[in-house]
Amino acid sequence: MELELTDKVVVVTGGSRGIGFACAAAFLSEGANVALISRNEEHLKLAAAQLHSAGDYPPAIVQADLTRADDARRAMVDVERRLGPVDILVNSAGAAKRYAPDELDAGAWHAAMDAKYFTYIHAMDALLPAWRAAVAARW
C-alpha cells in the first residue's frame, strides 16, 4: 500500500519491542526514515538488526528514558540532527509496574503515571516547538 510516507521522518517511542516494533516495521516498509527510542540500548540494537535483516532500511536508534523530560528533549534533538525534522510521532513507550491491590498507594500511582502517561507528554512536548514553528511558517 502506498501511504506517501517515503522519506518522512518517524519517531517510534518504545520501538524496540511489541507494538512499537511492529509500527516501526510498517513505517520502514513504506519507505519512512524511522528512529526507535527506548530505555534499553541492548533491545534497541537487537530491534534495529532484526528490522534491517528483514530487508527494510536500518532505523536510527536513540537510548532515552522518556520519564525524564530532559532525556526526551535530548532524544528529539538527536533524531532531528540525524534524520531531519520529525513528521510523525508514534508514542508506544512505557510499562507500568503491576501491584497487588493492597500494595497500591500514591507512590505506585505516580510511578504508573510517569511510565505510561508522562513518557507520551515528554515526547510530544519535546517536538511541539518545532511543529508550531513549521505550522506558523506555512501561514
N, C-alpha and C. Protein backbone atom coordinates (compact mmCIF):
# COMPACT_ATOMS: atom_id res chain seq x y z
N MET A 1 0.84 -1.16 0.00
CA MET A 1 0.00 0.00 0.00
C MET A 1 0.90 1.24 0.00
N GLU A 2 0.57 2.21 -0.81
CA GLU A 2 1.35 3.44 -0.88
C GLU A 2 0.68 4.52 -0.03
N LEU A 3 1.31 4.86 1.08
CA LEU A 3 0.76 5.84 2.01
C LEU A 3 1.47 7.18 1.95
N GLU A 4 2.35 7.35 0.93
CA GLU A 4 3.12 8.59 0.75
C GLU A 4 3.95 8.92 1.99
N LEU A 5 4.61 7.89 2.52
CA LEU A 5 5.47 8.06 3.69
C LEU A 5 6.95 8.02 3.35
N THR A 6 7.27 7.86 2.07
CA THR A 6 8.67 7.80 1.66
C THR A 6 9.39 9.06 2.12
N ASP A 7 10.49 8.84 2.82
CA ASP A 7 11.36 9.90 3.33
C ASP A 7 10.76 10.73 4.45
N LYS A 8 9.59 10.38 4.94
CA LYS A 8 9.05 11.04 6.13
C LYS A 8 9.87 10.58 7.34
N VAL A 9 10.08 11.45 8.29
CA VAL A 9 10.82 11.11 9.50
C VAL A 9 9.81 10.72 10.58
N VAL A 10 9.95 9.48 11.05
CA VAL A 10 9.02 8.93 12.03
C VAL A 10 9.79 8.53 13.28
N VAL A 11 9.32 8.98 14.43
CA VAL A 11 9.88 8.57 15.72
C VAL A 11 8.90 7.61 16.36
N VAL A 12 9.42 6.45 16.78
CA VAL A 12 8.60 5.47 17.48
C VAL A 12 9.19 5.27 18.86
N THR A 13 8.47 5.76 19.88
CA THR A 13 8.93 5.53 21.24
C THR A 13 8.51 4.12 21.63
N GLY A 14 9.34 3.48 22.43
CA GLY A 14 9.07 2.08 22.75
C GLY A 14 9.19 1.21 21.52
N GLY A 15 10.03 1.62 20.59
CA GLY A 15 10.13 0.96 19.30
C GLY A 15 10.96 -0.30 19.26
N SER A 16 11.53 -0.68 20.37
CA SER A 16 12.40 -1.86 20.34
C SER A 16 11.65 -3.17 20.53
N ARG A 17 10.39 -3.09 20.96
CA ARG A 17 9.63 -4.31 21.22
C ARG A 17 8.14 -4.06 21.04
N GLY A 18 7.39 -5.14 20.97
CA GLY A 18 5.93 -5.07 21.00
C GLY A 18 5.31 -4.24 19.89
N ILE A 19 4.28 -3.49 20.28
CA ILE A 19 3.53 -2.68 19.31
C ILE A 19 4.43 -1.65 18.64
N GLY A 20 5.34 -1.04 19.41
CA GLY A 20 6.25 -0.05 18.83
C GLY A 20 7.11 -0.66 17.74
N PHE A 21 7.62 -1.85 17.98
CA PHE A 21 8.44 -2.55 16.98
C PHE A 21 7.62 -2.81 15.72
N ALA A 22 6.39 -3.28 15.89
CA ALA A 22 5.52 -3.55 14.73
C ALA A 22 5.23 -2.27 13.95
N CYS A 23 5.01 -1.17 14.65
CA CYS A 23 4.79 0.11 13.98
C CYS A 23 6.03 0.53 13.19
N ALA A 24 7.19 0.38 13.81
CA ALA A 24 8.44 0.75 13.13
C ALA A 24 8.61 -0.07 11.86
N ALA A 25 8.34 -1.37 11.93
CA ALA A 25 8.46 -2.23 10.75
C ALA A 25 7.53 -1.76 9.64
N ALA A 26 6.31 -1.39 9.99
CA ALA A 26 5.35 -0.93 8.99
C ALA A 26 5.80 0.37 8.34
N PHE A 27 6.27 1.32 9.14
CA PHE A 27 6.75 2.59 8.59
C PHE A 27 7.97 2.38 7.70
N LEU A 28 8.89 1.53 8.12
CA LEU A 28 10.06 1.23 7.29
C LEU A 28 9.66 0.62 5.96
N SER A 29 8.67 -0.26 5.98
CA SER A 29 8.24 -0.90 4.73
C SER A 29 7.60 0.09 3.77
N GLU A 30 7.16 1.23 4.30
CA GLU A 30 6.57 2.29 3.47
C GLU A 30 7.62 3.31 3.03
N GLY A 31 8.89 3.08 3.41
CA GLY A 31 9.96 3.96 2.96
C GLY A 31 10.27 5.13 3.87
N ALA A 32 9.70 5.12 5.07
CA ALA A 32 9.96 6.21 6.02
C ALA A 32 11.34 6.05 6.64
N ASN A 33 11.89 7.16 7.10
CA ASN A 33 13.12 7.17 7.90
C ASN A 33 12.68 7.09 9.35
N VAL A 34 13.01 5.99 10.00
CA VAL A 34 12.48 5.71 11.33
C VAL A 34 13.57 5.79 12.39
N ALA A 35 13.21 6.39 13.52
CA ALA A 35 14.07 6.39 14.71
C ALA A 35 13.32 5.65 15.81
N LEU A 36 14.00 4.69 16.41
CA LEU A 36 13.47 3.96 17.54
C LEU A 36 14.02 4.58 18.82
N ILE A 37 13.16 4.79 19.80
CA ILE A 37 13.60 5.28 21.10
C ILE A 37 13.19 4.26 22.16
N SER A 38 14.12 3.95 23.04
CA SER A 38 13.87 3.03 24.14
C SER A 38 14.88 3.30 25.24
N ARG A 39 14.54 2.85 26.45
CA ARG A 39 15.49 2.98 27.57
C ARG A 39 16.64 1.99 27.44
N ASN A 40 16.38 0.86 26.81
CA ASN A 40 17.33 -0.25 26.81
C ASN A 40 18.11 -0.30 25.49
N GLU A 41 19.37 0.07 25.55
CA GLU A 41 20.20 0.12 24.34
C GLU A 41 20.38 -1.26 23.71
N GLU A 42 20.48 -2.28 24.53
CA GLU A 42 20.62 -3.65 24.01
C GLU A 42 19.39 -4.04 23.19
N HIS A 43 18.20 -3.74 23.70
CA HIS A 43 16.97 -4.03 22.96
C HIS A 43 16.91 -3.22 21.66
N LEU A 44 17.38 -1.98 21.72
CA LEU A 44 17.40 -1.14 20.52
C LEU A 44 18.28 -1.74 19.43
N LYS A 45 19.47 -2.16 19.82
CA LYS A 45 20.40 -2.73 18.83
C LYS A 45 19.83 -4.00 18.22
N LEU A 46 19.23 -4.85 19.04
CA LEU A 46 18.63 -6.08 18.55
C LEU A 46 17.47 -5.77 17.60
N ALA A 47 16.62 -4.84 17.97
CA ALA A 47 15.49 -4.47 17.12
C ALA A 47 15.97 -3.91 15.79
N ALA A 48 16.96 -3.03 15.83
CA ALA A 48 17.49 -2.45 14.59
C ALA A 48 18.06 -3.53 13.68
N ALA A 49 18.78 -4.48 14.26
CA ALA A 49 19.33 -5.58 13.47
C ALA A 49 18.23 -6.44 12.86
N GLN A 50 17.19 -6.72 13.63
CA GLN A 50 16.07 -7.53 13.11
C GLN A 50 15.36 -6.80 11.98
N LEU A 51 15.12 -5.52 12.16
CA LEU A 51 14.43 -4.75 11.12
C LEU A 51 15.28 -4.65 9.87
N HIS A 52 16.57 -4.45 10.04
CA HIS A 52 17.46 -4.34 8.88
C HIS A 52 17.58 -5.68 8.15
N SER A 53 17.65 -6.79 8.88
CA SER A 53 17.77 -8.10 8.24
C SER A 53 16.50 -8.50 7.52
N ALA A 54 15.38 -7.87 7.86
CA ALA A 54 14.11 -8.16 7.18
C ALA A 54 14.04 -7.45 5.84
N GLY A 55 15.09 -6.70 5.48
CA GLY A 55 15.14 -6.05 4.18
C GLY A 55 14.78 -4.59 4.22
N ASP A 56 14.33 -4.10 5.34
CA ASP A 56 13.98 -2.70 5.46
C ASP A 56 15.24 -1.88 5.69
N TYR A 57 15.12 -0.59 5.51
CA TYR A 57 16.23 0.30 5.82
C TYR A 57 16.51 0.22 7.30
N PRO A 58 17.76 0.36 7.70
CA PRO A 58 18.03 0.30 9.14
C PRO A 58 17.49 1.54 9.84
N PRO A 59 16.82 1.36 10.97
CA PRO A 59 16.34 2.53 11.70
C PRO A 59 17.48 3.14 12.51
N ALA A 60 17.32 4.41 12.81
CA ALA A 60 18.22 5.06 13.76
C ALA A 60 17.76 4.63 15.15
N ILE A 61 18.69 4.53 16.07
CA ILE A 61 18.33 4.18 17.44
C ILE A 61 18.81 5.26 18.40
N VAL A 62 17.97 5.54 19.40
CA VAL A 62 18.29 6.55 20.41
C VAL A 62 17.88 6.00 21.76
N GLN A 63 18.83 5.90 22.65
CA GLN A 63 18.55 5.44 24.01
C GLN A 63 18.13 6.65 24.83
N ALA A 64 16.97 6.55 25.48
CA ALA A 64 16.49 7.64 26.32
C ALA A 64 15.44 7.11 27.29
N ASP A 65 15.39 7.72 28.46
CA ASP A 65 14.37 7.42 29.45
C ASP A 65 13.34 8.54 29.38
N LEU A 66 12.23 8.28 28.73
CA LEU A 66 11.24 9.32 28.46
C LEU A 66 10.41 9.70 29.68
N THR A 67 10.65 9.06 30.82
CA THR A 67 10.03 9.54 32.05
C THR A 67 10.68 10.84 32.48
N ARG A 68 11.82 11.18 31.86
CA ARG A 68 12.55 12.41 32.16
C ARG A 68 12.46 13.35 30.97
N ALA A 69 11.91 14.52 31.20
CA ALA A 69 11.71 15.50 30.13
C ALA A 69 13.01 15.87 29.43
N ASP A 70 14.10 16.00 30.18
CA ASP A 70 15.37 16.37 29.56
C ASP A 70 15.87 15.27 28.62
N ASP A 71 15.64 14.02 28.96
CA ASP A 71 16.01 12.92 28.08
C ASP A 71 15.19 12.96 26.79
N ALA A 72 13.92 13.28 26.92
CA ALA A 72 13.05 13.37 25.73
C ALA A 72 13.54 14.48 24.80
N ARG A 73 13.86 15.63 25.37
CA ARG A 73 14.37 16.74 24.54
C ARG A 73 15.67 16.35 23.85
N ARG A 74 16.58 15.75 24.61
CA ARG A 74 17.86 15.34 24.03
C ARG A 74 17.64 14.32 22.90
N ALA A 75 16.74 13.38 23.11
CA ALA A 75 16.48 12.35 22.11
C ALA A 75 15.93 12.97 20.82
N MET A 76 15.01 13.89 20.93
CA MET A 76 14.41 14.50 19.73
C MET A 76 15.42 15.37 19.00
N VAL A 77 16.28 16.06 19.74
CA VAL A 77 17.35 16.84 19.10
C VAL A 77 18.26 15.89 18.32
N ASP A 78 18.59 14.77 18.91
CA ASP A 78 19.45 13.78 18.26
C ASP A 78 18.79 13.24 16.99
N VAL A 79 17.52 12.91 17.06
CA VAL A 79 16.80 12.42 15.88
C VAL A 79 16.82 13.47 14.78
N GLU A 80 16.48 14.70 15.12
CA GLU A 80 16.43 15.75 14.10
C GLU A 80 17.81 16.03 13.51
N ARG A 81 18.85 15.94 14.32
CA ARG A 81 20.21 16.13 13.81
C ARG A 81 20.56 15.03 12.81
N ARG A 82 20.13 13.82 13.08
CA ARG A 82 20.50 12.68 12.23
C ARG A 82 19.57 12.49 11.03
N LEU A 83 18.26 12.72 11.22
CA LEU A 83 17.30 12.39 10.16
C LEU A 83 16.57 13.59 9.59
N GLY A 84 16.58 14.71 10.30
CA GLY A 84 15.83 15.87 9.86
C GLY A 84 14.60 16.07 10.72
N PRO A 85 13.79 17.08 10.38
CA PRO A 85 12.60 17.38 11.18
C PRO A 85 11.64 16.19 11.26
N VAL A 86 11.08 15.99 12.43
CA VAL A 86 10.18 14.87 12.66
C VAL A 86 8.80 15.19 12.10
N ASP A 87 8.30 14.28 11.27
CA ASP A 87 6.97 14.42 10.69
C ASP A 87 5.90 13.70 11.50
N ILE A 88 6.27 12.56 12.06
CA ILE A 88 5.28 11.69 12.73
C ILE A 88 5.88 11.17 14.02
N LEU A 89 5.07 11.19 15.08
CA LEU A 89 5.45 10.61 16.36
C LEU A 89 4.47 9.51 16.71
N VAL A 90 5.00 8.33 17.00
CA VAL A 90 4.19 7.22 17.50
C VAL A 90 4.62 6.96 18.94
N ASN A 91 3.73 7.22 19.87
CA ASN A 91 4.02 7.01 21.28
C ASN A 91 3.61 5.60 21.69
N SER A 92 4.60 4.79 22.02
CA SER A 92 4.33 3.42 22.44
C SER A 92 5.24 3.02 23.60
N ALA A 93 5.81 4.01 24.26
CA ALA A 93 6.77 3.72 25.33
C ALA A 93 6.08 3.56 26.67
N GLY A 94 6.71 2.82 27.52
CA GLY A 94 6.30 2.77 28.91
C GLY A 94 5.54 1.53 29.30
N ALA A 95 5.90 1.04 30.44
CA ALA A 95 5.20 -0.10 31.03
C ALA A 95 5.11 0.15 32.53
N ALA A 96 3.91 0.20 33.02
CA ALA A 96 3.72 0.44 34.44
C ALA A 96 3.91 -0.86 35.22
N LYS A 97 4.56 -0.75 36.34
CA LYS A 97 4.75 -1.90 37.22
C LYS A 97 3.39 -2.34 37.76
N ARG A 98 3.20 -3.64 37.87
CA ARG A 98 1.95 -4.16 38.42
C ARG A 98 2.08 -4.31 39.92
N TYR A 99 1.01 -3.96 40.60
CA TYR A 99 0.96 -4.04 42.06
C TYR A 99 -0.26 -4.85 42.48
N ALA A 100 -0.11 -5.56 43.56
CA ALA A 100 -1.27 -6.18 44.19
C ALA A 100 -2.13 -5.07 44.77
N PRO A 101 -3.44 -5.24 44.80
CA PRO A 101 -4.30 -4.15 45.28
C PRO A 101 -3.91 -3.61 46.66
N ASP A 102 -3.48 -4.46 47.55
CA ASP A 102 -3.13 -3.97 48.89
C ASP A 102 -1.80 -3.24 48.93
N GLU A 103 -1.06 -3.23 47.81
CA GLU A 103 0.22 -2.51 47.74
C GLU A 103 0.09 -1.16 47.04
N LEU A 104 -1.09 -0.89 46.49
CA LEU A 104 -1.28 0.38 45.80
C LEU A 104 -1.30 1.53 46.79
N ASP A 105 -0.53 2.54 46.45
CA ASP A 105 -0.52 3.77 47.23
C ASP A 105 -0.21 4.91 46.26
N ALA A 106 -0.13 6.11 46.77
CA ALA A 106 0.11 7.27 45.91
C ALA A 106 1.41 7.14 45.12
N GLY A 107 2.44 6.59 45.74
CA GLY A 107 3.72 6.41 45.05
C GLY A 107 3.59 5.47 43.86
N ALA A 108 2.82 4.40 44.01
CA ALA A 108 2.60 3.47 42.91
C ALA A 108 1.85 4.14 41.76
N TRP A 109 0.84 4.95 42.11
CA TRP A 109 0.09 5.66 41.08
C TRP A 109 0.98 6.68 40.36
N HIS A 110 1.83 7.39 41.11
CA HIS A 110 2.75 8.34 40.48
C HIS A 110 3.71 7.61 39.53
N ALA A 111 4.25 6.49 39.96
CA ALA A 111 5.16 5.72 39.10
C ALA A 111 4.46 5.26 37.83
N ALA A 112 3.21 4.83 37.96
CA ALA A 112 2.45 4.39 36.79
C ALA A 112 2.21 5.55 35.83
N MET A 113 1.88 6.72 36.37
CA MET A 113 1.67 7.90 35.51
C MET A 113 2.96 8.31 34.82
N ASP A 114 4.06 8.25 35.54
CA ASP A 114 5.36 8.57 34.92
C ASP A 114 5.65 7.60 33.78
N ALA A 115 5.36 6.33 33.98
CA ALA A 115 5.69 5.29 32.99
C ALA A 115 4.77 5.30 31.78
N LYS A 116 3.48 5.52 31.97
CA LYS A 116 2.53 5.36 30.87
C LYS A 116 1.91 6.66 30.39
N TYR A 117 2.05 7.73 31.10
CA TYR A 117 1.44 8.99 30.68
C TYR A 117 2.51 10.03 30.36
N PHE A 118 3.40 10.26 31.30
CA PHE A 118 4.37 11.33 31.09
C PHE A 118 5.42 10.98 30.04
N THR A 119 5.64 9.69 29.76
CA THR A 119 6.53 9.36 28.64
C THR A 119 5.96 9.94 27.34
N TYR A 120 4.65 9.87 27.18
CA TYR A 120 3.99 10.42 26.00
C TYR A 120 4.05 11.95 26.00
N ILE A 121 3.74 12.54 27.14
CA ILE A 121 3.75 14.00 27.25
C ILE A 121 5.14 14.55 26.98
N HIS A 122 6.17 13.94 27.55
CA HIS A 122 7.54 14.44 27.35
C HIS A 122 7.96 14.35 25.89
N ALA A 123 7.61 13.27 25.22
CA ALA A 123 7.96 13.13 23.80
C ALA A 123 7.25 14.20 22.96
N MET A 124 5.96 14.39 23.21
CA MET A 124 5.21 15.41 22.46
C MET A 124 5.72 16.81 22.76
N ASP A 125 5.95 17.09 24.03
CA ASP A 125 6.42 18.40 24.45
C ASP A 125 7.76 18.75 23.81
N ALA A 126 8.61 17.75 23.63
CA ALA A 126 9.92 17.98 23.01
C ALA A 126 9.79 18.36 21.54
N LEU A 127 8.74 17.91 20.88
CA LEU A 127 8.56 18.18 19.45
C LEU A 127 7.68 19.39 19.16
N LEU A 128 6.87 19.79 20.12
CA LEU A 128 5.91 20.87 19.86
C LEU A 128 6.53 22.19 19.38
N PRO A 129 7.63 22.67 19.93
CA PRO A 129 8.18 23.94 19.43
C PRO A 129 8.50 23.90 17.93
N ALA A 130 9.11 22.83 17.47
CA ALA A 130 9.44 22.73 16.04
C ALA A 130 8.18 22.61 15.20
N TRP A 131 7.21 21.85 15.69
CA TRP A 131 5.96 21.70 14.94
C TRP A 131 5.19 23.01 14.88
N ARG A 132 5.17 23.74 15.98
CA ARG A 132 4.49 25.05 15.97
C ARG A 132 5.17 25.99 14.98
N ALA A 133 6.49 26.01 14.98
CA ALA A 133 7.23 26.88 14.06
C ALA A 133 6.96 26.50 12.61
N ALA A 134 6.88 25.21 12.32
CA ALA A 134 6.60 24.75 10.96
C ALA A 134 5.21 25.17 10.51
N VAL A 135 4.24 25.07 11.40
CA VAL A 135 2.88 25.49 11.06
C VAL A 135 2.83 27.01 10.87
N ALA A 136 3.48 27.75 11.75
CA ALA A 136 3.49 29.20 11.63
C ALA A 136 4.15 29.65 10.34
N ALA A 137 5.16 28.94 9.89
CA ALA A 137 5.86 29.31 8.65
C ALA A 137 4.98 29.11 7.43
N ARG A 138 4.00 28.22 7.53
CA ARG A 138 3.09 27.98 6.39
C ARG A 138 1.97 29.00 6.30
N TRP A 139 1.73 29.75 7.37
CA TRP A 139 0.62 30.70 7.38
C TRP A 139 0.99 31.98 6.75
